Full PDB file with SEQRES, HELIX, SHEET, SSBOND, CRYST1, ORIGX, SCALE, CONECT and MASTER records, all heavy atoms in Angstrom:
SEQRES   1 A   45  THR ARG SER ILE TYR VAL VAL ASP GLU LEU LYS ARG GLU          
SEQRES   2 A   45  SER VAL ASP GLY THR ALA ILE ILE GLU GLU SER GLU MET          
SEQRES   3 A   45  GLU ALA ILE ASP ASP ALA ASP ASP LEU ARG ASP LEU ILE          
SEQRES   4 A   45  MET GLU ARG GLY GLU ASP                                      
HELIX    1 AA1 GLU A   23  GLU A   27  1                                   5    
HELIX    2 AA2 ALA A   32  ARG A   42  1                                  11    
SHEET    1 AA1 3 ILE A   4  VAL A   7  0                                        
SHEET    2 AA1 3 THR A  18  GLU A  22  1                                        
SHEET    3 AA1 3 SER A  14  VAL A  15 -1                                        
CRYST1    1.000    1.000    1.000  90.00  90.00  90.00 P 1           1          
ORIGX1      1.000000  0.000000  0.000000        0.00000                         
ORIGX2      0.000000  1.000000  0.000000        0.00000                         
ORIGX3      0.000000  0.000000  1.000000        0.00000                         
SCALE1      1.000000  0.000000  0.000000        0.00000                         
SCALE2      0.000000  1.000000  0.000000        0.00000                         
SCALE3      0.000000  0.000000  1.000000        0.00000                         
ATOM      1  N   THR A   1     192.561 100.312  84.275  1.00  0.00           N  
ATOM      2  CA  THR A   1     191.522 100.733  85.147  1.00  0.00           C  
ATOM      3  C   THR A   1     190.256 100.771  84.321  1.00  0.00           C  
ATOM      4  O   THR A   1     190.189 100.877  83.139  1.00  0.00           O  
ATOM      5  CB  THR A   1     191.868 102.215  85.636  1.00  0.00           C  
ATOM      6  OG1 THR A   1     192.080 103.125  84.464  1.00  0.00           O  
ATOM      7  CG2 THR A   1     193.138 102.270  86.453  1.00  0.00           C  
ATOM      8  N   ARG A   2     189.132 100.756  85.065  1.00  0.00           N  
ATOM      9  CA  ARG A   2     187.823 100.837  84.515  1.00  0.00           C  
ATOM     10  C   ARG A   2     187.463 102.414  84.475  1.00  0.00           C  
ATOM     11  O   ARG A   2     188.066 103.219  85.143  1.00  0.00           O  
ATOM     12  CB  ARG A   2     186.747 100.028  85.199  1.00  0.00           C  
ATOM     13  CG  ARG A   2     187.060  98.604  85.269  1.00  0.00           C  
ATOM     14  CD  ARG A   2     185.922  97.800  85.967  1.00  0.00           C  
ATOM     15  NE  ARG A   2     186.065  96.402  85.785  1.00  0.00           N  
ATOM     16  CZ  ARG A   2     186.700  95.654  86.630  1.00  0.00           C  
ATOM     17  NH1 ARG A   2     187.173  96.146  87.745  1.00  0.00           N  
ATOM     18  NH2 ARG A   2     186.647  94.272  86.482  1.00  0.00           N  
ATOM     19  N   SER A   3     186.465 102.706  83.642  1.00  0.00           N  
ATOM     20  CA  SER A   3     186.123 104.190  83.522  1.00  0.00           C  
ATOM     21  C   SER A   3     184.562 104.241  83.498  1.00  0.00           C  
ATOM     22  O   SER A   3     183.940 103.346  82.808  1.00  0.00           O  
ATOM     23  CB  SER A   3     186.749 104.814  82.366  1.00  0.00           C  
ATOM     24  OG  SER A   3     186.515 104.116  81.167  1.00  0.00           O  
ATOM     25  N   ILE A   4     183.928 105.203  84.047  1.00  0.00           N  
ATOM     26  CA  ILE A   4     182.613 105.521  84.014  1.00  0.00           C  
ATOM     27  C   ILE A   4     182.457 107.023  83.813  1.00  0.00           C  
ATOM     28  O   ILE A   4     183.220 107.894  84.179  1.00  0.00           O  
ATOM     29  CB  ILE A   4     181.772 105.052  85.274  1.00  0.00           C  
ATOM     30  CG1 ILE A   4     182.227 105.828  86.475  1.00  0.00           C  
ATOM     31  CG2 ILE A   4     181.940 103.555  85.612  1.00  0.00           C  
ATOM     32  CD1 ILE A   4     181.407 105.626  87.758  1.00  0.00           C  
ATOM     33  N   TYR A   5     181.330 107.297  83.147  1.00  0.00           N  
ATOM     34  CA  TYR A   5     180.913 108.660  82.901  1.00  0.00           C  
ATOM     35  C   TYR A   5     179.383 108.881  83.481  1.00  0.00           C  
ATOM     36  O   TYR A   5     178.599 108.234  82.997  1.00  0.00           O  
ATOM     37  CB  TYR A   5     181.014 109.067  81.484  1.00  0.00           C  
ATOM     38  CG  TYR A   5     181.249 110.601  81.318  1.00  0.00           C  
ATOM     39  CD1 TYR A   5     182.542 110.986  80.994  1.00  0.00           C  
ATOM     40  CD2 TYR A   5     180.179 111.453  81.461  1.00  0.00           C  
ATOM     41  CE1 TYR A   5     182.800 112.384  80.819  1.00  0.00           C  
ATOM     42  CE2 TYR A   5     180.540 112.866  81.267  1.00  0.00           C  
ATOM     43  CZ  TYR A   5     181.762 113.324  81.039  1.00  0.00           C  
ATOM     44  OH  TYR A   5     182.000 114.657  80.835  1.00  0.00           O  
ATOM     45  N   VAL A   6     179.266 109.776  84.431  1.00  0.00           N  
ATOM     46  CA  VAL A   6     178.003 109.944  85.115  1.00  0.00           C  
ATOM     47  C   VAL A   6     177.357 111.145  84.461  1.00  0.00           C  
ATOM     48  O   VAL A   6     177.909 112.207  84.271  1.00  0.00           O  
ATOM     49  CB  VAL A   6     178.185 110.169  86.554  1.00  0.00           C  
ATOM     50  CG1 VAL A   6     176.888 110.448  87.281  1.00  0.00           C  
ATOM     51  CG2 VAL A   6     178.867 109.007  87.251  1.00  0.00           C  
ATOM     52  N   VAL A   7     176.107 110.985  84.052  1.00  0.00           N  
ATOM     53  CA  VAL A   7     175.300 111.977  83.323  1.00  0.00           C  
ATOM     54  C   VAL A   7     173.983 112.095  84.074  1.00  0.00           C  
ATOM     55  O   VAL A   7     173.513 111.313  84.808  1.00  0.00           O  
ATOM     56  CB  VAL A   7     175.040 111.509  81.821  1.00  0.00           C  
ATOM     57  CG1 VAL A   7     176.433 111.426  81.177  1.00  0.00           C  
ATOM     58  CG2 VAL A   7     174.311 110.215  81.734  1.00  0.00           C  
ATOM     59  N   ASP A   8     173.363 113.259  83.718  1.00  0.00           N  
ATOM     60  CA  ASP A   8     172.036 113.488  84.386  1.00  0.00           C  
ATOM     61  C   ASP A   8     170.896 112.636  83.624  1.00  0.00           C  
ATOM     62  O   ASP A   8     170.001 112.168  84.283  1.00  0.00           O  
ATOM     63  CB  ASP A   8     171.678 115.044  84.125  1.00  0.00           C  
ATOM     64  CG  ASP A   8     172.622 115.936  84.824  1.00  0.00           C  
ATOM     65  OD1 ASP A   8     173.121 115.530  85.789  1.00  0.00           O  
ATOM     66  OD2 ASP A   8     172.746 117.123  84.395  1.00  0.00           O  
ATOM     67  N   GLU A   9     171.092 112.444  82.334  1.00  0.00           N  
ATOM     68  CA  GLU A   9     170.006 111.719  81.585  1.00  0.00           C  
ATOM     69  C   GLU A   9     170.791 110.741  80.690  1.00  0.00           C  
ATOM     70  O   GLU A   9     171.608 111.087  79.867  1.00  0.00           O  
ATOM     71  CB  GLU A   9     169.222 112.601  80.836  1.00  0.00           C  
ATOM     72  CG  GLU A   9     168.074 111.969  80.017  1.00  0.00           C  
ATOM     73  CD  GLU A   9     167.251 112.983  79.239  1.00  0.00           C  
ATOM     74  OE1 GLU A   9     167.487 114.073  79.353  1.00  0.00           O  
ATOM     75  OE2 GLU A   9     166.341 112.369  78.481  1.00  0.00           O  
ATOM     76  N   LEU A  10     170.394 109.445  80.804  1.00  0.00           N  
ATOM     77  CA  LEU A  10     171.045 108.353  79.999  1.00  0.00           C  
ATOM     78  C   LEU A  10     170.637 108.300  78.583  1.00  0.00           C  
ATOM     79  O   LEU A  10     169.381 108.278  78.271  1.00  0.00           O  
ATOM     80  CB  LEU A  10     170.734 107.004  80.741  1.00  0.00           C  
ATOM     81  CG  LEU A  10     171.535 105.824  80.086  1.00  0.00           C  
ATOM     82  CD1 LEU A  10     172.981 105.997  80.498  1.00  0.00           C  
ATOM     83  CD2 LEU A  10     171.005 104.503  80.712  1.00  0.00           C  
ATOM     84  N   LYS A  11     171.507 108.563  77.644  1.00  0.00           N  
ATOM     85  CA  LYS A  11     171.167 108.605  76.296  1.00  0.00           C  
ATOM     86  C   LYS A  11     171.768 107.396  75.468  1.00  0.00           C  
ATOM     87  O   LYS A  11     171.412 107.000  74.404  1.00  0.00           O  
ATOM     88  CB  LYS A  11     171.667 109.917  75.551  1.00  0.00           C  
ATOM     89  CG  LYS A  11     170.940 111.113  76.098  1.00  0.00           C  
ATOM     90  CD  LYS A  11     171.404 112.364  75.467  1.00  0.00           C  
ATOM     91  CE  LYS A  11     170.742 113.582  76.007  1.00  0.00           C  
ATOM     92  NZ  LYS A  11     171.254 114.789  75.309  1.00  0.00           N  
ATOM     93  N   ARG A  12     172.851 106.785  76.068  1.00  0.00           N  
ATOM     94  CA  ARG A  12     173.511 105.628  75.615  1.00  0.00           C  
ATOM     95  C   ARG A  12     174.178 104.886  76.773  1.00  0.00           C  
ATOM     96  O   ARG A  12     174.438 105.608  77.724  1.00  0.00           O  
ATOM     97  CB  ARG A  12     174.440 105.885  74.421  1.00  0.00           C  
ATOM     98  CG  ARG A  12     175.578 106.823  74.686  1.00  0.00           C  
ATOM     99  CD  ARG A  12     176.309 107.252  73.505  1.00  0.00           C  
ATOM    100  NE  ARG A  12     177.126 106.123  72.975  1.00  0.00           N  
ATOM    101  CZ  ARG A  12     177.947 106.335  71.887  1.00  0.00           C  
ATOM    102  NH1 ARG A  12     178.103 107.428  71.285  1.00  0.00           N  
ATOM    103  NH2 ARG A  12     178.624 105.193  71.442  1.00  0.00           N  
ATOM    104  N   GLU A  13     174.507 103.659  76.593  1.00  0.00           N  
ATOM    105  CA  GLU A  13     175.046 102.920  77.762  1.00  0.00           C  
ATOM    106  C   GLU A  13     176.539 102.899  77.828  1.00  0.00           C  
ATOM    107  O   GLU A  13     177.079 102.558  78.970  1.00  0.00           O  
ATOM    108  CB  GLU A  13     174.548 101.464  77.716  1.00  0.00           C  
ATOM    109  CG  GLU A  13     172.983 101.478  78.029  1.00  0.00           C  
ATOM    110  CD  GLU A  13     172.444 100.049  78.382  1.00  0.00           C  
ATOM    111  OE1 GLU A  13     173.208  99.117  77.986  1.00  0.00           O  
ATOM    112  OE2 GLU A  13     171.304  99.979  78.860  1.00  0.00           O  
ATOM    113  N   SER A  14     177.262 103.159  76.768  1.00  0.00           N  
ATOM    114  CA  SER A  14     178.676 103.174  76.803  1.00  0.00           C  
ATOM    115  C   SER A  14     179.334 103.854  75.622  1.00  0.00           C  
ATOM    116  O   SER A  14     178.583 104.195  74.599  1.00  0.00           O  
ATOM    117  CB  SER A  14     179.267 101.664  76.825  1.00  0.00           C  
ATOM    118  OG  SER A  14     179.059 101.074  75.514  1.00  0.00           O  
ATOM    119  N   VAL A  15     180.530 104.313  75.894  1.00  0.00           N  
ATOM    120  CA  VAL A  15     181.315 105.004  74.771  1.00  0.00           C  
ATOM    121  C   VAL A  15     182.686 104.318  74.717  1.00  0.00           C  
ATOM    122  O   VAL A  15     183.537 104.467  75.688  1.00  0.00           O  
ATOM    123  CB  VAL A  15     181.518 106.457  75.029  1.00  0.00           C  
ATOM    124  CG1 VAL A  15     182.403 107.026  73.930  1.00  0.00           C  
ATOM    125  CG2 VAL A  15     180.170 107.167  74.906  1.00  0.00           C  
ATOM    126  N   ASP A  16     183.007 103.441  73.704  1.00  0.00           N  
ATOM    127  CA  ASP A  16     184.237 102.805  73.602  1.00  0.00           C  
ATOM    128  C   ASP A  16     184.686 102.085  74.914  1.00  0.00           C  
ATOM    129  O   ASP A  16     185.940 102.070  75.191  1.00  0.00           O  
ATOM    130  CB  ASP A  16     185.356 103.788  73.159  1.00  0.00           C  
ATOM    131  CG  ASP A  16     185.080 104.184  71.768  1.00  0.00           C  
ATOM    132  OD1 ASP A  16     184.181 103.634  71.019  1.00  0.00           O  
ATOM    133  OD2 ASP A  16     185.801 105.071  71.270  1.00  0.00           O  
ATOM    134  N   GLY A  17     183.794 101.544  75.678  1.00  0.00           N  
ATOM    135  CA  GLY A  17     184.095 100.774  76.805  1.00  0.00           C  
ATOM    136  C   GLY A  17     183.933 101.541  78.085  1.00  0.00           C  
ATOM    137  O   GLY A  17     184.099 100.997  79.230  1.00  0.00           O  
ATOM    138  N   THR A  18     183.810 102.946  78.029  1.00  0.00           N  
ATOM    139  CA  THR A  18     183.411 103.679  79.180  1.00  0.00           C  
ATOM    140  C   THR A  18     182.003 103.531  79.448  1.00  0.00           C  
ATOM    141  O   THR A  18     181.139 103.837  78.639  1.00  0.00           O  
ATOM    142  CB  THR A  18     183.759 105.189  79.073  1.00  0.00           C  
ATOM    143  OG1 THR A  18     185.283 105.272  78.993  1.00  0.00           O  
ATOM    144  CG2 THR A  18     183.357 106.052  80.196  1.00  0.00           C  
ATOM    145  N   ALA A  19     181.662 103.046  80.657  1.00  0.00           N  
ATOM    146  CA  ALA A  19     180.166 102.924  81.038  1.00  0.00           C  
ATOM    147  C   ALA A  19     179.556 104.152  81.344  1.00  0.00           C  
ATOM    148  O   ALA A  19     180.150 105.008  82.027  1.00  0.00           O  
ATOM    149  CB  ALA A  19     180.127 101.927  82.256  1.00  0.00           C  
ATOM    150  N   ILE A  20     178.315 104.394  80.591  1.00  0.00           N  
ATOM    151  CA  ILE A  20     177.638 105.679  80.966  1.00  0.00           C  
ATOM    152  C   ILE A  20     176.591 105.341  82.026  1.00  0.00           C  
ATOM    153  O   ILE A  20     175.796 104.365  81.805  1.00  0.00           O  
ATOM    154  CB  ILE A  20     177.035 106.195  79.715  1.00  0.00           C  
ATOM    155  CG1 ILE A  20     178.040 106.354  78.556  1.00  0.00           C  
ATOM    156  CG2 ILE A  20     176.382 107.561  79.971  1.00  0.00           C  
ATOM    157  CD1 ILE A  20     179.161 107.191  78.801  1.00  0.00           C  
ATOM    158  N   ILE A  21     176.634 106.084  83.113  1.00  0.00           N  
ATOM    159  CA  ILE A  21     175.612 105.860  84.198  1.00  0.00           C  
ATOM    160  C   ILE A  21     174.888 107.041  84.546  1.00  0.00           C  
ATOM    161  O   ILE A  21     175.469 108.073  84.690  1.00  0.00           O  
ATOM    162  CB  ILE A  21     176.438 105.254  85.401  1.00  0.00           C  
ATOM    163  CG1 ILE A  21     177.222 103.975  85.093  1.00  0.00           C  
ATOM    164  CG2 ILE A  21     175.485 104.986  86.632  1.00  0.00           C  
ATOM    165  CD1 ILE A  21     178.095 103.494  86.035  1.00  0.00           C  
ATOM    166  N   GLU A  22     173.611 106.860  84.751  1.00  0.00           N  
ATOM    167  CA  GLU A  22     172.816 108.057  85.188  1.00  0.00           C  
ATOM    168  C   GLU A  22     173.014 108.320  86.557  1.00  0.00           C  
ATOM    169  O   GLU A  22     173.274 107.438  87.376  1.00  0.00           O  
ATOM    170  CB  GLU A  22     171.320 107.754  84.902  1.00  0.00           C  
ATOM    171  CG  GLU A  22     170.432 108.856  84.757  1.00  0.00           C  
ATOM    172  CD  GLU A  22     169.034 108.517  84.182  1.00  0.00           C  
ATOM    173  OE1 GLU A  22     168.194 108.148  85.023  1.00  0.00           O  
ATOM    174  OE2 GLU A  22     168.979 108.648  82.977  1.00  0.00           O  
ATOM    175  N   GLU A  23     172.979 109.595  86.911  1.00  0.00           N  
ATOM    176  CA  GLU A  23     173.240 109.984  88.384  1.00  0.00           C  
ATOM    177  C   GLU A  23     172.340 109.246  89.279  1.00  0.00           C  
ATOM    178  O   GLU A  23     172.783 108.903  90.424  1.00  0.00           O  
ATOM    179  CB  GLU A  23     173.177 111.536  88.458  1.00  0.00           C  
ATOM    180  CG  GLU A  23     173.650 112.005  89.786  1.00  0.00           C  
ATOM    181  CD  GLU A  23     173.884 113.562  89.877  1.00  0.00           C  
ATOM    182  OE1 GLU A  23     173.628 114.196  88.795  1.00  0.00           O  
ATOM    183  OE2 GLU A  23     174.176 113.993  90.945  1.00  0.00           O  
ATOM    184  N   SER A  24     171.061 109.137  88.929  1.00  0.00           N  
ATOM    185  CA  SER A  24     170.119 108.439  89.901  1.00  0.00           C  
ATOM    186  C   SER A  24     170.628 107.017  90.136  1.00  0.00           C  
ATOM    187  O   SER A  24     170.364 106.425  91.203  1.00  0.00           O  
ATOM    188  CB  SER A  24     168.657 108.545  89.300  1.00  0.00           C  
ATOM    189  OG  SER A  24     168.650 107.956  88.121  1.00  0.00           O  
ATOM    190  N   GLU A  25     171.090 106.405  89.057  1.00  0.00           N  
ATOM    191  CA  GLU A  25     171.645 104.999  89.217  1.00  0.00           C  
ATOM    192  C   GLU A  25     172.870 104.900  90.116  1.00  0.00           C  
ATOM    193  O   GLU A  25     172.955 104.079  91.035  1.00  0.00           O  
ATOM    194  CB  GLU A  25     172.047 104.409  87.834  1.00  0.00           C  
ATOM    195  CG  GLU A  25     170.880 104.270  86.882  1.00  0.00           C  
ATOM    196  CD  GLU A  25     171.381 103.714  85.532  1.00  0.00           C  
ATOM    197  OE1 GLU A  25     172.191 104.350  84.931  1.00  0.00           O  
ATOM    198  OE2 GLU A  25     170.896 102.727  85.145  1.00  0.00           O  
ATOM    199  N   MET A  26     173.762 105.863  90.054  1.00  0.00           N  
ATOM    200  CA  MET A  26     174.862 105.939  90.929  1.00  0.00           C  
ATOM    201  C   MET A  26     174.432 106.070  92.378  1.00  0.00           C  
ATOM    202  O   MET A  26     174.925 105.390  93.297  1.00  0.00           O  
ATOM    203  CB  MET A  26     175.779 107.148  90.601  1.00  0.00           C  
ATOM    204  CG  MET A  26     176.704 106.933  89.479  1.00  0.00           C  
ATOM    205  SD  MET A  26     177.981 105.535  89.770  1.00  0.00           S  
ATOM    206  CE  MET A  26     178.919 106.233  91.125  1.00  0.00           C  
ATOM    207  N   GLU A  27     173.469 106.908  92.744  1.00  0.00           N  
ATOM    208  CA  GLU A  27     172.976 107.173  94.029  1.00  0.00           C  
ATOM    209  C   GLU A  27     172.281 105.869  94.566  1.00  0.00           C  
ATOM    210  O   GLU A  27     172.302 105.756  95.832  1.00  0.00           O  
ATOM    211  CB  GLU A  27     172.066 108.318  94.040  1.00  0.00           C  
ATOM    212  CG  GLU A  27     172.695 109.671  93.727  1.00  0.00           C  
ATOM    213  CD  GLU A  27     171.761 110.830  93.587  1.00  0.00           C  
ATOM    214  OE1 GLU A  27     170.435 110.591  93.605  1.00  0.00           O  
ATOM    215  OE2 GLU A  27     172.223 111.939  93.505  1.00  0.00           O  
ATOM    216  N   ALA A  28     171.825 105.042  93.761  1.00  0.00           N  
ATOM    217  CA  ALA A  28     171.177 103.805  94.203  1.00  0.00           C  
ATOM    218  C   ALA A  28     172.158 102.568  94.466  1.00  0.00           C  
ATOM    219  O   ALA A  28     171.845 101.516  94.968  1.00  0.00           O  
ATOM    220  CB  ALA A  28     170.111 103.402  93.267  1.00  0.00           C  
ATOM    221  N   ILE A  29     173.510 102.782  94.111  1.00  0.00           N  
ATOM    222  CA  ILE A  29     174.372 101.666  94.303  1.00  0.00           C  
ATOM    223  C   ILE A  29     174.674 101.513  95.769  1.00  0.00           C  
ATOM    224  O   ILE A  29     174.924 102.480  96.475  1.00  0.00           O  
ATOM    225  CB  ILE A  29     175.691 102.039  93.498  1.00  0.00           C  
ATOM    226  CG1 ILE A  29     175.416 101.924  91.945  1.00  0.00           C  
ATOM    227  CG2 ILE A  29     176.864 101.088  93.915  1.00  0.00           C  
ATOM    228  CD1 ILE A  29     176.626 102.411  91.081  1.00  0.00           C  
ATOM    229  N   ASP A  30     174.722 100.285  96.208  1.00  0.00           N  
ATOM    230  CA  ASP A  30     174.804  99.941  97.612  1.00  0.00           C  
ATOM    231  C   ASP A  30     176.118  99.490  98.040  1.00  0.00           C  
ATOM    232  O   ASP A  30     176.638  99.661  99.171  1.00  0.00           O  
ATOM    233  CB  ASP A  30     173.872  98.884  98.019  1.00  0.00           C  
ATOM    234  CG  ASP A  30     172.404  99.459  98.124  1.00  0.00           C  
ATOM    235  OD1 ASP A  30     172.227 100.559  98.356  1.00  0.00           O  
ATOM    236  OD2 ASP A  30     171.435  98.581  97.809  1.00  0.00           O  
ATOM    237  N   ASP A  31     176.987  98.863  97.089  1.00  0.00           N  
ATOM    238  CA  ASP A  31     178.306  98.301  97.437  1.00  0.00           C  
ATOM    239  C   ASP A  31     179.108  98.328  96.153  1.00  0.00           C  
ATOM    240  O   ASP A  31     178.626  98.452  95.038  1.00  0.00           O  
ATOM    241  CB  ASP A  31     178.167  96.964  98.078  1.00  0.00           C  
ATOM    242  CG  ASP A  31     177.426  95.939  97.254  1.00  0.00           C  
ATOM    243  OD1 ASP A  31     177.566  95.906  96.036  1.00  0.00           O  
ATOM    244  OD2 ASP A  31     176.733  95.126  97.952  1.00  0.00           O  
ATOM    245  N   ALA A  32     180.417  97.944  96.307  1.00  0.00           N  
ATOM    246  CA  ALA A  32     181.434  97.950  95.288  1.00  0.00           C  
ATOM    247  C   ALA A  32     180.992  96.845  94.175  1.00  0.00           C  
ATOM    248  O   ALA A  32     181.217  97.035  92.934  1.00  0.00           O  
ATOM    249  CB  ALA A  32     182.787  97.543  95.748  1.00  0.00           C  
ATOM    250  N   ASP A  33     180.332  95.660  94.628  1.00  0.00           N  
ATOM    251  CA  ASP A  33     179.932  94.709  93.672  1.00  0.00           C  
ATOM    252  C   ASP A  33     178.985  95.181  92.831  1.00  0.00           C  
ATOM    253  O   ASP A  33     178.912  94.952  91.476  1.00  0.00           O  
ATOM    254  CB  ASP A  33     179.399  93.472  94.440  1.00  0.00           C  
ATOM    255  CG  ASP A  33     180.464  92.736  95.084  1.00  0.00           C  
ATOM    256  OD1 ASP A  33     181.661  92.922  94.651  1.00  0.00           O  
ATOM    257  OD2 ASP A  33     180.168  91.917  95.995  1.00  0.00           O  
ATOM    258  N   ASP A  34     177.885  96.026  93.293  1.00  0.00           N  
ATOM    259  CA  ASP A  34     176.916  96.642  92.331  1.00  0.00           C  
ATOM    260  C   ASP A  34     177.501  97.556  91.373  1.00  0.00           C  
ATOM    261  O   ASP A  34     177.117  97.518  90.158  1.00  0.00           O  
ATOM    262  CB  ASP A  34     175.946  97.411  93.235  1.00  0.00           C  
ATOM    263  CG  ASP A  34     175.023  96.605  94.064  1.00  0.00           C  
ATOM    264  OD1 ASP A  34     174.995  95.409  93.848  1.00  0.00           O  
ATOM    265  OD2 ASP A  34     174.405  97.128  94.986  1.00  0.00           O  
ATOM    266  N   LEU A  35     178.506  98.268  91.767  1.00  0.00           N  
ATOM    267  CA  LEU A  35     179.162  99.182  90.759  1.00  0.00           C  
ATOM    268  C   LEU A  35     179.914  98.236  89.752  1.00  0.00           C  
ATOM    269  O   LEU A  35     179.848  98.610  88.509  1.00  0.00           O  
ATOM    270  CB  LEU A  35     180.256 100.105  91.494  1.00  0.00           C  
ATOM    271  CG  LEU A  35     181.089 100.980  90.513  1.00  0.00           C  
ATOM    272  CD1 LEU A  35     180.094 101.968  89.853  1.00  0.00           C  
ATOM    273  CD2 LEU A  35     182.106 101.757  91.303  1.00  0.00           C  
ATOM    274  N   ARG A  36     180.685  97.320  90.186  1.00  0.00           N  
ATOM    275  CA  ARG A  36     181.438  96.458  89.235  1.00  0.00           C  
ATOM    276  C   ARG A  36     180.424  95.789  88.311  1.00  0.00           C  
ATOM    277  O   ARG A  36     180.682  95.741  86.941  1.00  0.00           O  
ATOM    278  CB  ARG A  36     182.261  95.412  89.936  1.00  0.00           C  
ATOM    279  CG  ARG A  36     183.050  94.519  89.034  1.00  0.00           C  
ATOM    280  CD  ARG A  36     183.634  93.415  89.750  1.00  0.00           C  
ATOM    281  NE  ARG A  36     182.599  92.549  90.194  1.00  0.00           N  
ATOM    282  CZ  ARG A  36     182.435  92.034  91.398  1.00  0.00           C  
ATOM    283  NH1 ARG A  36     183.273  92.444  92.370  1.00  0.00           N  
ATOM    284  NH2 ARG A  36     181.390  91.178  91.803  1.00  0.00           N  
ATOM    285  N   ASP A  37     179.299  95.316  88.693  1.00  0.00           N  
ATOM    286  CA  ASP A  37     178.437  94.611  87.819  1.00  0.00           C  
ATOM    287  C   ASP A  37     177.838  95.521  86.789  1.00  0.00           C  
ATOM    288  O   ASP A  37     177.664  95.210  85.575  1.00  0.00           O  
ATOM    289  CB  ASP A  37     177.249  94.015  88.666  1.00  0.00           C  
ATOM    290  CG  ASP A  37     177.695  92.788  89.530  1.00  0.00           C  
ATOM    291  OD1 ASP A  37     178.827  92.280  89.221  1.00  0.00           O  
ATOM    292  OD2 ASP A  37     176.973  92.463  90.412  1.00  0.00           O  
ATOM    293  N   LEU A  38     177.540  96.861  87.234  1.00  0.00           N  
ATOM    294  CA  LEU A  38     176.984  97.820  86.264  1.00  0.00           C  
ATOM    295  C   LEU A  38     178.016  98.158  85.204  1.00  0.00           C  
ATOM    296  O   LEU A  38     177.811  98.258  84.126  1.00  0.00           O  
ATOM    297  CB  LEU A  38     176.589  99.123  87.026  1.00  0.00           C  
ATOM    298  CG  LEU A  38     175.716 100.112  86.348  1.00  0.00           C  
ATOM    299  CD1 LEU A  38     174.562  99.469  85.685  1.00  0.00           C  
ATOM    300  CD2 LEU A  38     175.389 101.261  87.258  1.00  0.00           C  
ATOM    301  N   ILE A  39     179.309  98.280  85.633  1.00  0.00           N  
ATOM    302  CA  ILE A  39     180.430  98.618  84.639  1.00  0.00           C  
ATOM    303  C   ILE A  39     180.532  97.534  83.725  1.00  0.00           C  
ATOM    304  O   ILE A  39     180.700  97.640  82.441  1.00  0.00           O  
ATOM    305  CB  ILE A  39     181.642  98.929  85.418  1.00  0.00           C  
ATOM    306  CG1 ILE A  39     181.531 100.091  86.238  1.00  0.00           C  
ATOM    307  CG2 ILE A  39     182.796  98.968  84.477  1.00  0.00           C  
ATOM    308  CD1 ILE A  39     182.810 100.488  87.125  1.00  0.00           C  
ATOM    309  N   MET A  40     180.474  96.283  84.250  1.00  0.00           N  
ATOM    310  CA  MET A  40     180.746  95.134  83.409  1.00  0.00           C  
ATOM    311  C   MET A  40     179.612  94.881  82.344  1.00  0.00           C  
ATOM    312  O   MET A  40     179.790  94.517  81.275  1.00  0.00           O  
ATOM    313  CB  MET A  40     180.883  93.893  84.156  1.00  0.00           C  
ATOM    314  CG  MET A  40     182.128  93.774  85.057  1.00  0.00           C  
ATOM    315  SD  MET A  40     183.659  93.711  84.046  1.00  0.00           S  
ATOM    316  CE  MET A  40     183.549  91.948  83.589  1.00  0.00           C  
ATOM    317  N   GLU A  41     178.350  95.292  82.790  1.00  0.00           N  
ATOM    318  CA  GLU A  41     177.211  95.184  81.947  1.00  0.00           C  
ATOM    319  C   GLU A  41     177.290  96.221  80.849  1.00  0.00           C  
ATOM    320  O   GLU A  41     176.896  95.938  79.711  1.00  0.00           O  
ATOM    321  CB  GLU A  41     175.931  95.556  82.769  1.00  0.00           C  
ATOM    322  CG  GLU A  41     174.630  95.496  81.998  1.00  0.00           C  
ATOM    323  CD  GLU A  41     173.473  95.846  82.864  1.00  0.00           C  
ATOM    324  OE1 GLU A  41     173.440  95.617  84.005  1.00  0.00           O  
ATOM    325  OE2 GLU A  41     172.495  96.427  82.295  1.00  0.00           O  
ATOM    326  N   ARG A  42     177.783  97.444  81.173  1.00  0.00           N  
ATOM    327  CA  ARG A  42     177.722  98.511  80.108  1.00  0.00           C  
ATOM    328  C   ARG A  42     179.058  98.794  79.387  1.00  0.00           C  
ATOM    329  O   ARG A  42     179.142  99.296  78.317  1.00  0.00           O  
ATOM    330  CB  ARG A  42     177.228  99.750  80.738  1.00  0.00           C  
ATOM    331  CG  ARG A  42     175.838  99.592  81.265  1.00  0.00           C  
ATOM    332  CD  ARG A  42     175.198 100.878  81.672  1.00  0.00           C  
ATOM    333  NE  ARG A  42     173.897 100.717  82.135  1.00  0.00           N  
ATOM    334  CZ  ARG A  42     173.080 101.650  82.729  1.00  0.00           C  
ATOM    335  NH1 ARG A  42     173.624 102.905  83.020  1.00  0.00           N  
ATOM    336  NH2 ARG A  42     171.916 101.383  83.099  1.00  0.00           N  
ATOM    337  N   GLY A  43     180.142  98.492  80.067  1.00  0.00           N  
ATOM    338  CA  GLY A  43     181.513  98.841  79.526  1.00  0.00           C  
ATOM    339  C   GLY A  43     182.202  97.437  79.131  1.00  0.00           C  
ATOM    340  O   GLY A  43     181.575  96.386  79.073  1.00  0.00           O  
ATOM    341  N   GLU A  44     183.502  97.582  79.154  1.00  0.00           N  
ATOM    342  CA  GLU A  44     184.417  96.508  78.917  1.00  0.00           C  
ATOM    343  C   GLU A  44     185.493  96.496  80.035  1.00  0.00           C  
ATOM    344  O   GLU A  44     186.009  97.497  80.337  1.00  0.00           O  
ATOM    345  CB  GLU A  44     185.003  96.546  77.543  1.00  0.00           C  
ATOM    346  CG  GLU A  44     183.957  96.353  76.418  1.00  0.00           C  
ATOM    347  CD  GLU A  44     184.644  96.463  75.046  1.00  0.00           C  
ATOM    348  OE1 GLU A  44     185.544  97.275  74.927  1.00  0.00           O  
ATOM    349  OE2 GLU A  44     184.130  95.698  74.119  1.00  0.00           O  
ATOM    350  N   ASP A  45     185.968  95.316  80.352  1.00  0.00           N  
ATOM    351  CA  ASP A  45     187.014  95.127  81.318  1.00  0.00           C  
ATOM    352  C   ASP A  45     188.361  95.427  80.574  1.00  0.00           C  
ATOM    353  O   ASP A  45     188.589  94.734  79.563  1.00  0.00           O  
ATOM    354  CB  ASP A  45     187.090  93.766  81.983  1.00  0.00           C  
ATOM    355  CG  ASP A  45     188.013  93.642  82.996  1.00  0.00           C  
ATOM    356  OD1 ASP A  45     188.941  94.396  83.108  1.00  0.00           O  
ATOM    357  OD2 ASP A  45     187.893  92.638  83.801  1.00  0.00           O  
TER     358      ASP A  45                                                      
MASTER        0    0    0    2    3    0    0    6  357    1    0    4          
END                                                                             
């Protein structure tokens, strides 16, 4: 499974493959593809 950690303020983009995502970024996601792309950009499959 993939993993993400949602934070108030972005201080780094990933931790050992877990994508770190700012809450405002999460709220702007429109579909599952956007989420997948963000996870792939910051984390690891």
